[in-house]
């Protein structure tokens, strides 16, 4: 899954939900369930997600939606293997980006 978010310091919950293709309620639910997601809130209470929050949401999305983990399973996995999982996840995303670029080059030949 490739996210199409512009480079910004903060993202609104609507932008984040649209990028992941989920409802805003799921993002709020994951925020309550996973303590690694800590968006800042302004005076009105609107959530502002940082790029670090987006990376954590990507990791949670990958575990829950793509790999089929339950919420409890994803929590346990993150607690026990957070560093290793994050490193592997970043490598997988980079390789997927390289593959996409190579496929574009192949189509243009």
PDB file of N, CA and C in Angstrom:
ATOM      1  N   UNK A   1       0.837  -1.174   0.000  1.00  0.00           N
ATOM      2  CA  UNK A   1       0.000   0.000   0.000  1.00  0.00           C
ATOM      3  C   UNK A   1       0.883   1.239   0.000  1.00  0.00           C
ATOM      4  N   UNK A   2       0.667   2.113  -0.953  1.00  0.00           N
ATOM      5  CA  UNK A   2       1.412   3.352  -1.040  1.00  0.00           C
ATOM      6  C   UNK A   2       0.506   4.498  -0.625  1.00  0.00           C
ATOM      7  N   UNK A   3       0.958   5.283   0.329  1.00  0.00           N
ATOM      8  CA  UNK A   3       0.188   6.445   0.767  1.00  0.00           C
ATOM      9  C   UNK A   3       0.499   7.627  -0.126  1.00  0.00           C
ATOM     10  N   UNK A   4      -0.510   8.413  -0.399  1.00  0.00           N
ATOM     11  CA  UNK A   4      -0.317   9.604  -1.219  1.00  0.00           C
ATOM     12  C   UNK A   4      -0.605  10.850  -0.368  1.00  0.00           C
ATOM     13  N   UNK A   5       0.276  11.080   0.589  1.00  0.00           N
ATOM     14  CA  UNK A   5       0.157  12.262   1.441  1.00  0.00           C
ATOM     15  C   UNK A   5       1.270  13.241   1.088  1.00  0.00           C
ATOM     16  N   UNK A   6       0.951  14.539   1.007  1.00  0.00           N
ATOM     17  CA  UNK A   6       2.003  15.520   0.761  1.00  0.00           C
ATOM     18  C   UNK A   6       2.909  15.657   1.989  1.00  0.00           C
ATOM     19  N   UNK A   7       4.101  16.190   1.768  1.00  0.00           N
ATOM     20  CA  UNK A   7       5.032  16.404   2.873  1.00  0.00           C
ATOM     21  C   UNK A   7       4.561  17.582   3.711  1.00  0.00           C
ATOM     22  N   UNK A   8       4.125  17.308   4.927  1.00  0.00           N
ATOM     23  CA  UNK A   8       3.662  18.350   5.837  1.00  0.00           C
ATOM     24  C   UNK A   8       4.091  17.991   7.251  1.00  0.00           C
ATOM     25  N   UNK A   9       4.000  18.952   8.151  1.00  0.00           N
ATOM     26  CA  UNK A   9       4.303  18.685   9.554  1.00  0.00           C
ATOM     27  C   UNK A   9       3.141  17.994  10.252  1.00  0.00           C
ATOM     28  N   UNK A  10       1.926  18.393   9.899  1.00  0.00           N
ATOM     29  CA  UNK A  10       0.739  17.846  10.549  1.00  0.00           C
ATOM     30  C   UNK A  10      -0.324  17.517   9.508  1.00  0.00           C
ATOM     31  N   UNK A  11      -1.056  16.449   9.777  1.00  0.00           N
ATOM     32  CA  UNK A  11      -2.139  16.008   8.906  1.00  0.00           C
ATOM     33  C   UNK A  11      -3.413  15.926   9.722  1.00  0.00           C
ATOM     34  N   UNK A  12      -4.522  16.328   9.122  1.00  0.00           N
ATOM     35  CA  UNK A  12      -5.819  16.201   9.774  1.00  0.00           C
ATOM     36  C   UNK A  12      -6.297  14.757   9.694  1.00  0.00           C
ATOM     37  N   UNK A  13      -7.237  14.418  10.544  1.00  0.00           N
ATOM     38  CA  UNK A  13      -7.722  13.038  10.588  1.00  0.00           C
ATOM     39  C   UNK A  13      -8.427  12.658   9.288  1.00  0.00           C
ATOM     40  N   UNK A  14      -9.068  13.613   8.641  1.00  0.00           N
ATOM     41  CA  UNK A  14      -9.722  13.336   7.365  1.00  0.00           C
ATOM     42  C   UNK A  14      -8.727  12.957   6.280  1.00  0.00           C
ATOM     43  N   UNK A  15      -7.611  13.688   6.224  1.00  0.00           N
ATOM     44  CA  UNK A  15      -6.559  13.380   5.256  1.00  0.00           C
ATOM     45  C   UNK A  15      -5.988  11.982   5.493  1.00  0.00           C
ATOM     46  N   UNK A  16      -5.750  11.678   6.758  1.00  0.00           N
ATOM     47  CA  UNK A  16      -5.160  10.392   7.120  1.00  0.00           C
ATOM     48  C   UNK A  16      -6.114   9.255   6.768  1.00  0.00           C
ATOM     49  N   UNK A  17      -7.375   9.413   7.122  1.00  0.00           N
ATOM     50  CA  UNK A  17      -8.364   8.365   6.839  1.00  0.00           C
ATOM     51  C   UNK A  17      -8.501   8.150   5.332  1.00  0.00           C
ATOM     52  N   UNK A  18      -8.508   9.226   4.570  1.00  0.00           N
ATOM     53  CA  UNK A  18      -8.625   9.108   3.119  1.00  0.00           C
ATOM     54  C   UNK A  18      -7.403   8.408   2.527  1.00  0.00           C
ATOM     55  N   UNK A  19      -6.224   8.728   3.023  1.00  0.00           N
ATOM     56  CA  UNK A  19      -5.000   8.116   2.518  1.00  0.00           C
ATOM     57  C   UNK A  19      -4.988   6.605   2.773  1.00  0.00           C
ATOM     58  N   UNK A  20      -5.519   6.184   3.912  1.00  0.00           N
ATOM     59  CA  UNK A  20      -5.550   4.762   4.247  1.00  0.00           C
ATOM     60  C   UNK A  20      -6.787   4.064   3.686  1.00  0.00           C
ATOM     61  N   UNK A  21      -7.767   4.838   3.228  1.00  0.00           N
ATOM     62  CA  UNK A  21      -8.994   4.250   2.693  1.00  0.00           C
ATOM     63  C   UNK A  21      -9.887   3.662   3.779  1.00  0.00           C
ATOM     64  N   UNK A  22      -9.894   4.299   4.956  1.00  0.00           N
ATOM     65  CA  UNK A  22     -10.718   3.832   6.080  1.00  0.00           C
ATOM     66  C   UNK A  22     -11.530   5.009   6.618  1.00  0.00           C
ATOM     67  N   UNK A  23     -12.446   4.721   7.512  1.00  0.00           N
ATOM     68  CA  UNK A  23     -13.235   5.775   8.158  1.00  0.00           C
ATOM     69  C   UNK A  23     -12.415   6.461   9.242  1.00  0.00           C
ATOM     70  N   UNK A  24     -12.790   7.702   9.536  1.00  0.00           N
ATOM     71  CA  UNK A  24     -12.095   8.428  10.605  1.00  0.00           C
ATOM     72  C   UNK A  24     -12.313   7.751  11.957  1.00  0.00           C
ATOM     73  N   UNK A  25     -13.449   7.082  12.100  1.00  0.00           N
ATOM     74  CA  UNK A  25     -13.723   6.403  13.373  1.00  0.00           C
ATOM     75  C   UNK A  25     -12.721   5.286  13.627  1.00  0.00           C
ATOM     76  N   UNK A  26     -12.239   4.620  12.567  1.00  0.00           N
ATOM     77  CA  UNK A  26     -11.237   3.569  12.745  1.00  0.00           C
ATOM     78  C   UNK A  26      -9.909   4.171  13.209  1.00  0.00           C
ATOM     79  N   UNK A  27      -9.553   5.316  12.671  1.00  0.00           N
ATOM     80  CA  UNK A  27      -8.316   5.990  13.090  1.00  0.00           C
ATOM     81  C   UNK A  27      -8.420   6.368  14.570  1.00  0.00           C
ATOM     82  N   UNK A  28      -9.568   6.912  14.980  1.00  0.00           N
ATOM     83  CA  UNK A  28      -9.759   7.270  16.393  1.00  0.00           C
ATOM     84  C   UNK A  28      -9.716   6.020  17.277  1.00  0.00           C
ATOM     85  N   UNK A  29     -10.312   4.934  16.790  1.00  0.00           N
ATOM     86  CA  UNK A  29     -10.309   3.687  17.546  1.00  0.00           C
ATOM     87  C   UNK A  29      -8.888   3.168  17.722  1.00  0.00           C
ATOM     88  N   UNK A  30      -8.100   3.162  16.654  1.00  0.00           N
ATOM     89  CA  UNK A  30      -6.713   2.714  16.748  1.00  0.00           C
ATOM     90  C   UNK A  30      -5.907   3.612  17.682  1.00  0.00           C
ATOM     91  N   UNK A  31      -6.231   4.900  17.692  1.00  0.00           N
ATOM     92  CA  UNK A  31      -5.540   5.825  18.598  1.00  0.00           C
ATOM     93  C   UNK A  31      -5.773   5.415  20.055  1.00  0.00           C
ATOM     94  N   UNK A  32      -6.996   4.993  20.363  1.00  0.00           N
ATOM     95  CA  UNK A  32      -7.305   4.565  21.730  1.00  0.00           C
ATOM     96  C   UNK A  32      -6.667   3.222  22.064  1.00  0.00           C
ATOM     97  N   UNK A  33      -6.608   2.332  21.094  1.00  0.00           N
ATOM     98  CA  UNK A  33      -6.118   0.974  21.320  1.00  0.00           C
ATOM     99  C   UNK A  33      -4.594   0.879  21.365  1.00  0.00           C
ATOM    100  N   UNK A  34      -3.907   1.656  20.547  1.00  0.00           N
ATOM    101  CA  UNK A  34      -2.452   1.563  20.430  1.00  0.00           C
ATOM    102  C   UNK A  34      -1.818   2.822  21.004  1.00  0.00           C
ATOM    103  N   UNK A  35      -0.987   2.642  22.007  1.00  0.00           N
ATOM    104  CA  UNK A  35      -0.383   3.793  22.673  1.00  0.00           C
ATOM    105  C   UNK A  35       0.752   4.424  21.870  1.00  0.00           C
ATOM    106  N   UNK A  36       1.156   3.824  20.765  1.00  0.00           N
ATOM    107  CA  UNK A  36       2.216   4.426  19.950  1.00  0.00           C
ATOM    108  C   UNK A  36       1.682   5.554  19.069  1.00  0.00           C
ATOM    109  N   UNK A  37       0.371   5.680  18.976  1.00  0.00           N
ATOM    110  CA  UNK A  37      -0.226   6.770  18.200  1.00  0.00           C
ATOM    111  C   UNK A  37      -0.610   7.875  19.178  1.00  0.00           C
ATOM    112  N   UNK A  38       0.059   8.991  19.087  1.00  0.00           N
ATOM    113  CA  UNK A  38      -0.170  10.117  19.991  1.00  0.00           C
ATOM    114  C   UNK A  38      -0.315  11.414  19.199  1.00  0.00           C
ATOM    115  N   UNK A  39      -1.443  11.617  18.509  1.00  0.00           N
ATOM    116  CA  UNK A  39      -1.586  12.871  17.755  1.00  0.00           C
ATOM    117  C   UNK A  39      -1.740  14.055  18.701  1.00  0.00           C
ATOM    118  N   UNK A  40      -1.274  15.186  18.225  1.00  0.00           N
ATOM    119  CA  UNK A  40      -1.458  16.411  18.995  1.00  0.00           C
ATOM    120  C   UNK A  40      -2.880  16.889  18.777  1.00  0.00           C
ATOM    121  N   UNK A  41      -3.416  17.586  19.764  1.00  0.00           N
ATOM    122  CA  UNK A  41      -4.767  18.136  19.634  1.00  0.00           C
ATOM    123  C   UNK A  41      -4.699  19.638  19.836  1.00  0.00           C
ATOM    124  N   UNK A  42      -5.440  20.367  18.997  1.00  0.00           N
ATOM    125  CA  UNK A  42      -5.464  21.819  19.152  1.00  0.00           C
ATOM    126  C   UNK A  42      -6.526  22.209  20.175  1.00  0.00           C
ATOM    127  N   UNK A  43      -6.764  23.503  20.312  1.00  0.00           N
ATOM    128  CA  UNK A  43      -7.701  23.989  21.325  1.00  0.00           C
ATOM    129  C   UNK A  43      -9.120  23.456  21.104  1.00  0.00           C
ATOM    130  N   UNK A  44      -9.485  23.214  19.857  1.00  0.00           N
ATOM    131  CA  UNK A  44     -10.810  22.674  19.554  1.00  0.00           C
ATOM    132  C   UNK A  44     -10.887  21.169  19.786  1.00  0.00           C
ATOM    133  N   UNK A  45      -9.739  20.529  19.941  1.00  0.00           N
ATOM    134  CA  UNK A  45      -9.726  19.078  20.117  1.00  0.00           C
ATOM    135  C   UNK A  45      -9.506  18.325  18.818  1.00  0.00           C
ATOM    136  N   UNK A  46      -9.227  19.050  17.732  1.00  0.00           N
ATOM    137  CA  UNK A  46      -8.951  18.394  16.449  1.00  0.00           C
ATOM    138  C   UNK A  46      -7.583  17.711  16.497  1.00  0.00           C
ATOM    139  N   UNK A  47      -7.533  16.504  15.990  1.00  0.00           N
ATOM    140  CA  UNK A  47      -6.288  15.747  15.996  1.00  0.00           C
ATOM    141  C   UNK A  47      -5.395  16.199  14.855  1.00  0.00           C
ATOM    142  N   UNK A  48      -4.115  16.323  15.148  1.00  0.00           N
ATOM    143  CA  UNK A  48      -3.105  16.647  14.151  1.00  0.00           C
ATOM    144  C   UNK A  48      -2.026  15.574  14.223  1.00  0.00           C
ATOM    145  N   UNK A  49      -1.934  14.780  13.169  1.00  0.00           N
ATOM    146  CA  UNK A  49      -1.003  13.660  13.132  1.00  0.00           C
ATOM    147  C   UNK A  49       0.329  14.094  12.537  1.00  0.00           C
ATOM    148  N   UNK A  50       1.407  13.682  13.171  1.00  0.00           N
ATOM    149  CA  UNK A  50       2.751  13.969  12.685  1.00  0.00           C
ATOM    150  C   UNK A  50       3.178  12.867  11.715  1.00  0.00           C
ATOM    151  N   UNK A  51       4.240  13.092  10.951  1.00  0.00           N
ATOM    152  CA  UNK A  51       4.747  12.018  10.079  1.00  0.00           C
ATOM    153  C   UNK A  51       5.101  10.749  10.862  1.00  0.00           C
ATOM    154  N   UNK A  52       5.546  10.888  12.094  1.00  0.00           N
ATOM    155  CA  UNK A  52       5.840   9.710  12.930  1.00  0.00           C
ATOM    156  C   UNK A  52       4.553   8.944  13.244  1.00  0.00           C
ATOM    157  N   UNK A  53       3.482   9.665  13.525  1.00  0.00           N
ATOM    158  CA  UNK A  53       2.181   9.016  13.740  1.00  0.00           C
ATOM    159  C   UNK A  53       1.738   8.273  12.484  1.00  0.00           C
ATOM    160  N   UNK A  54       1.991   8.865  11.324  1.00  0.00           N
ATOM    161  CA  UNK A  54       1.604   8.234  10.058  1.00  0.00           C
ATOM    162  C   UNK A  54       2.378   6.926   9.875  1.00  0.00           C
ATOM    163  N   UNK A  55       3.669   6.934  10.200  1.00  0.00           N
ATOM    164  CA  UNK A  55       4.464   5.698  10.095  1.00  0.00           C
ATOM    165  C   UNK A  55       3.914   4.619  11.023  1.00  0.00           C
ATOM    166  N   UNK A  56       3.558   5.018  12.227  1.00  0.00           N
ATOM    167  CA  UNK A  56       2.992   4.051  13.172  1.00  0.00           C
ATOM    168  C   UNK A  56       1.638   3.533  12.687  1.00  0.00           C
ATOM    169  N   UNK A  57       0.822   4.408  12.117  1.00  0.00           N
ATOM    170  CA  UNK A  57      -0.464   3.981  11.566  1.00  0.00           C
ATOM    171  C   UNK A  57      -0.259   3.025  10.390  1.00  0.00           C
ATOM    172  N   UNK A  58       0.757   3.300   9.570  1.00  0.00           N
ATOM    173  CA  UNK A  58       1.071   2.392   8.466  1.00  0.00           C
ATOM    174  C   UNK A  58       1.431   1.008   8.984  1.00  0.00           C
ATOM    175  N   UNK A  59       2.218   0.985  10.040  1.00  0.00           N
ATOM    176  CA  UNK A  59       2.625  -0.290  10.632  1.00  0.00           C
ATOM    177  C   UNK A  59       1.413  -1.030  11.190  1.00  0.00           C
ATOM    178  N   UNK A  60       0.551  -0.339  11.882  1.00  0.00           N
ATOM    179  CA  UNK A  60      -0.664  -0.961  12.429  1.00  0.00           C
ATOM    180  C   UNK A  60      -1.561  -1.440  11.293  1.00  0.00           C
ATOM    181  N   UNK A  61      -1.722  -0.623  10.270  1.00  0.00           N
ATOM    182  CA  UNK A  61      -2.533  -1.012   9.115  1.00  0.00           C
ATOM    183  C   UNK A  61      -1.969  -2.285   8.485  1.00  0.00           C
ATOM    184  N   UNK A  62      -0.654  -2.320   8.333  1.00  0.00           N
ATOM    185  CA  UNK A  62       0.004  -3.486   7.743  1.00  0.00           C
ATOM    186  C   UNK A  62      -0.266  -4.744   8.569  1.00  0.00           C
ATOM    187  N   UNK A  63      -0.109  -4.634   9.878  1.00  0.00           N
ATOM    188  CA  UNK A  63      -0.309  -5.799  10.738  1.00  0.00           C
ATOM    189  C   UNK A  63      -1.766  -6.253  10.753  1.00  0.00           C
ATOM    190  N   UNK A  64      -2.686  -5.309  10.893  1.00  0.00           N
ATOM    191  CA  UNK A  64      -4.098  -5.656  11.068  1.00  0.00           C
ATOM    192  C   UNK A  64      -4.785  -5.968   9.739  1.00  0.00           C
ATOM    193  N   UNK A  65      -4.623  -5.102   8.763  1.00  0.00           N
ATOM    194  CA  UNK A  65      -5.371  -5.246   7.511  1.00  0.00           C
ATOM    195  C   UNK A  65      -4.680  -6.153   6.494  1.00  0.00           C
ATOM    196  N   UNK A  66      -3.355  -6.054   6.394  1.00  0.00           N
ATOM    197  CA  UNK A  66      -2.658  -6.810   5.365  1.00  0.00           C
ATOM    198  C   UNK A  66      -2.215  -8.191   5.844  1.00  0.00           C
ATOM    199  N   UNK A  67      -1.733  -8.278   7.079  1.00  0.00           N
ATOM    200  CA  UNK A  67      -1.260  -9.566   7.587  1.00  0.00           C
ATOM    201  C   UNK A  67      -2.312 -10.312   8.387  1.00  0.00           C
ATOM    202  N   UNK A  68      -3.425  -9.660   8.728  1.00  0.00           N
ATOM    203  CA  UNK A  68      -4.538 -10.334   9.376  1.00  0.00           C
ATOM    204  C   UNK A  68      -4.402 -10.547  10.871  1.00  0.00           C
ATOM    205  N   UNK A  69      -3.590  -9.746  11.534  1.00  0.00           N
ATOM    206  CA  UNK A  69      -3.458  -9.841  12.983  1.00  0.00           C
ATOM    207  C   UNK A  69      -4.740  -9.357  13.652  1.00  0.00           C
ATOM    208  N   UNK A  70      -5.068  -9.928  14.798  1.00  0.00           N
ATOM    209  CA  UNK A  70      -6.127  -9.359  15.625  1.00  0.00           C
ATOM    210  C   UNK A  70      -5.537  -8.140  16.325  1.00  0.00           C
ATOM    211  N   UNK A  71      -6.390  -7.321  16.942  1.00  0.00           N
ATOM    212  CA  UNK A  71      -5.862  -6.147  17.646  1.00  0.00           C
ATOM    213  C   UNK A  71      -4.944  -6.560  18.788  1.00  0.00           C
ATOM    214  N   UNK A  72      -5.356  -7.567  19.544  1.00  0.00           N
ATOM    215  CA  UNK A  72      -4.509  -8.036  20.642  1.00  0.00           C
ATOM    216  C   UNK A  72      -3.203  -8.623  20.114  1.00  0.00           C
ATOM    217  N   UNK A  73      -3.291  -9.354  19.017  1.00  0.00           N
ATOM    218  CA  UNK A  73      -2.093  -9.920  18.409  1.00  0.00           C
ATOM    219  C   UNK A  73      -1.145  -8.842  17.925  1.00  0.00           C
ATOM    220  N   UNK A  74      -1.688  -7.787  17.321  1.00  0.00           N
ATOM    221  CA  UNK A  74      -0.868  -6.680  16.837  1.00  0.00           C
ATOM    222  C   UNK A  74      -0.213  -5.945  18.003  1.00  0.00           C
ATOM    223  N   UNK A  75      -0.966  -5.744  19.087  1.00  0.00           N
ATOM    224  CA  UNK A  75      -0.400  -5.082  20.274  1.00  0.00           C
ATOM    225  C   UNK A  75       0.757  -5.891  20.833  1.00  0.00           C
ATOM    226  N   UNK A  76       0.542  -7.189  20.980  1.00  0.00           N
ATOM    227  CA  UNK A  76       1.582  -8.077  21.512  1.00  0.00           C
ATOM    228  C   UNK A  76       2.802  -8.079  20.603  1.00  0.00           C
ATOM    229  N   UNK A  77       2.566  -8.169  19.315  1.00  0.00           N
ATOM    230  CA  UNK A  77       3.661  -8.191  18.344  1.00  0.00           C
ATOM    231  C   UNK A  77       4.477  -6.900  18.418  1.00  0.00           C
ATOM    232  N   UNK A  78       3.792  -5.781  18.536  1.00  0.00           N
ATOM    233  CA  UNK A  78       4.498  -4.501  18.623  1.00  0.00           C
ATOM    234  C   UNK A  78       5.305  -4.392  19.907  1.00  0.00           C
ATOM    235  N   UNK A  79       4.762  -4.880  21.004  1.00  0.00           N
ATOM    236  CA  UNK A  79       5.487  -4.807  22.278  1.00  0.00           C
ATOM    237  C   UNK A  79       6.734  -5.680  22.251  1.00  0.00           C
ATOM    238  N   UNK A  80       6.615  -6.871  21.687  1.00  0.00           N
ATOM    239  CA  UNK A  80       7.726  -7.821  21.729  1.00  0.00           C
ATOM    240  C   UNK A  80       8.761  -7.582  20.633  1.00  0.00           C
ATOM    241  N   UNK A  81       8.312  -7.131  19.467  1.00  0.00           N
ATOM    242  CA  UNK A  81       9.215  -7.057  18.316  1.00  0.00           C
ATOM    243  C   UNK A  81       9.163  -5.709  17.617  1.00  0.00           C
ATOM    244  N   UNK A  82       8.940  -4.623  18.334  1.00  0.00           N
ATOM    245  CA  UNK A  82       8.713  -3.325  17.692  1.00  0.00           C
ATOM    246  C   UNK A  82       9.864  -2.913  16.770  1.00  0.00           C
ATOM    247  N   UNK A  83      11.082  -2.946  17.259  1.00  0.00           N
ATOM    248  CA  UNK A  83      12.219  -2.491  16.459  1.00  0.00           C
ATOM    249  C   UNK A  83      12.398  -3.360  15.216  1.00  0.00           C
ATOM    250  N   UNK A  84      12.358  -4.666  15.395  1.00  0.00           N
ATOM    251  CA  UNK A  84      12.542  -5.592  14.277  1.00  0.00           C
ATOM    252  C   UNK A  84      11.405  -5.440  13.270  1.00  0.00           C
ATOM    253  N   UNK A  85      10.178  -5.344  13.755  1.00  0.00           N
ATOM    254  CA  UNK A  85       9.021  -5.195  12.881  1.00  0.00           C
ATOM    255  C   UNK A  85       9.103  -3.890  12.103  1.00  0.00           C
ATOM    256  N   UNK A  86       9.485  -2.819  12.767  1.00  0.00           N
ATOM    257  CA  UNK A  86       9.587  -1.519  12.111  1.00  0.00           C
ATOM    258  C   UNK A  86      10.662  -1.541  11.031  1.00  0.00           C
ATOM    259  N   UNK A  87      11.815  -2.142  11.328  1.00  0.00           N
ATOM    260  CA  UNK A  87      12.885  -2.240  10.337  1.00  0.00           C
ATOM    261  C   UNK A  87      12.436  -3.054   9.129  1.00  0.00           C
ATOM    262  N   UNK A  88      11.825  -4.208   9.369  1.00  0.00           N
ATOM    263  CA  UNK A  88      11.350  -5.051   8.276  1.00  0.00           C
ATOM    264  C   UNK A  88      10.281  -4.336   7.458  1.00  0.00           C
ATOM    265  N   UNK A  89       9.392  -3.632   8.151  1.00  0.00           N
ATOM    266  CA  UNK A  89       8.313  -2.914   7.476  1.00  0.00           C
ATOM    267  C   UNK A  89       8.879  -1.842   6.551  1.00  0.00           C
ATOM    268  N   UNK A  90       9.875  -1.104   7.021  1.00  0.00           N
ATOM    269  CA  UNK A  90      10.477  -0.055   6.198  1.00  0.00           C
ATOM    270  C   UNK A  90      11.178  -0.655   4.983  1.00  0.00           C
ATOM    271  N   UNK A  91      11.840  -1.779   5.163  1.00  0.00           N
ATOM    272  CA  UNK A  91      12.509  -2.446   4.042  1.00  0.00           C
ATOM    273  C   UNK A  91      11.484  -2.905   3.017  1.00  0.00           C
ATOM    274  N   UNK A  92      10.389  -3.490   3.481  1.00  0.00           N
ATOM    275  CA  UNK A  92       9.335  -3.955   2.573  1.00  0.00           C
ATOM    276  C   UNK A  92       8.763  -2.790   1.781  1.00  0.00           C
ATOM    277  N   UNK A  93       8.494  -1.665   2.439  1.00  0.00           N
ATOM    278  CA  UNK A  93       7.943  -0.493   1.749  1.00  0.00           C
ATOM    279  C   UNK A  93       8.913   0.044   0.700  1.00  0.00           C
ATOM    280  N   UNK A  94      10.202   0.075   1.021  1.00  0.00           N
ATOM    281  CA  UNK A  94      11.185   0.554   0.048  1.00  0.00           C
ATOM    282  C   UNK A  94      11.242  -0.375  -1.158  1.00  0.00           C
ATOM    283  N   UNK A  95      11.220  -1.678  -0.908  1.00  0.00           N
ATOM    284  CA  UNK A  95      11.253  -2.641  -2.005  1.00  0.00           C
ATOM    285  C   UNK A  95      10.002  -2.552  -2.874  1.00  0.00           C
ATOM    286  N   UNK A  96       8.835  -2.303  -2.247  1.00  0.00           N
ATOM    287  CA  UNK A  96       7.614  -2.129  -3.023  1.00  0.00           C
ATOM    288  C   UNK A  96       7.701  -0.895  -3.910  1.00  0.00           C
ATOM    289  N   UNK A  97       8.310   0.173  -3.400  1.00  0.00           N
ATOM    290  CA  UNK A  97       8.506   1.383  -4.200  1.00  0.00           C
ATOM    291  C   UNK A  97       9.443   1.135  -5.372  1.00  0.00           C
ATOM    292  N   UNK A  98      10.512   0.394  -5.126  1.00  0.00           N
ATOM    293  CA  UNK A  98      11.448   0.060  -6.199  1.00  0.00           C
ATOM    294  C   UNK A  98      10.754  -0.796  -7.248  1.00  0.00           C
ATOM    295  N   UNK A  99       9.972  -1.760  -6.812  1.00  0.00           N
ATOM    296  CA  UNK A  99       9.245  -2.623  -7.743  1.00  0.00           C
ATOM    297  C   UNK A  99       8.302  -1.806  -8.607  1.00  0.00           C
ATOM    298  N   UNK A 100       7.583  -0.867  -7.999  1.00  0.00           N
ATOM    299  CA  UNK A 100       6.657  -0.022  -8.752  1.00  0.00           C
ATOM    300  C   UNK A 100       7.401   0.797  -9.806  1.00  0.00           C
ATOM    301  N   UNK A 101       8.558   1.336  -9.441  1.00  0.00           N
ATOM    302  CA  UNK A 101       9.351   2.115 -10.393  1.00  0.00           C
ATOM    303  C   UNK A 101       9.844   1.233 -11.536  1.00  0.00           C
ATOM    304  N   UNK A 102      10.305   0.027 -11.210  1.00  0.00           N
ATOM    305  CA  UNK A 102      10.779  -0.877 -12.246  1.00  0.00           C
ATOM    306  C   UNK A 102       9.649  -1.292 -13.200  1.00  0.00           C
ATOM    307  N   UNK A 103       8.458  -1.498 -12.653  1.00  0.00           N
ATOM    308  CA  UNK A 103       7.315  -1.831 -13.503  1.00  0.00           C
ATOM    309  C   UNK A 103       6.959  -0.676 -14.442  1.00  0.00           C
ATOM    310  N   UNK A 104       7.080   0.558 -13.938  1.00  0.00           N
ATOM    311  CA  UNK A 104       6.838   1.720 -14.806  1.00  0.00           C
ATOM    312  C   UNK A 104       7.851   1.777 -15.935  1.00  0.00           C
ATOM    313  N   UNK A 105       9.107   1.520 -15.604  1.00  0.00           N
ATOM    314  CA  UNK A 105      10.164   1.524 -16.619  1.00  0.00           C
ATOM    315  C   UNK A 105       9.891   0.430 -17.645  1.00  0.00           C
ATOM    316  N   UNK A 106       9.488  -0.731 -17.172  1.00  0.00           N
ATOM    317  CA  UNK A 106       9.208  -1.858 -18.086  1.00  0.00           C
ATOM    318  C   UNK A 106       8.068  -1.507 -19.038  1.00  0.00           C
ATOM    319  N   UNK A 107       7.027  -0.851 -18.537  1.00  0.00           N
ATOM    320  CA  UNK A 107       5.903  -0.454 -19.388  1.00  0.00           C
ATOM    321  C   UNK A 107       6.300   0.558 -20.439  1.00  0.00           C
ATOM    322  N   UNK A 108       7.268   1.417 -20.110  1.00  0.00           N
ATOM    323  CA  UNK A 108       7.710   2.445 -21.051  1.00  0.00           C
ATOM    324  C   UNK A 108       8.660   1.916 -22.118  1.00  0.00           C
ATOM    325  N   UNK A 109       9.152   0.716 -21.955  1.00  0.00           N
ATOM    326  CA  UNK A 109      10.083   0.154 -22.954  1.00  0.00           C
ATOM    327  C   UNK A 109       9.363  -0.361 -24.169  1.00  0.00           C
TER     328      UNK A 109
END
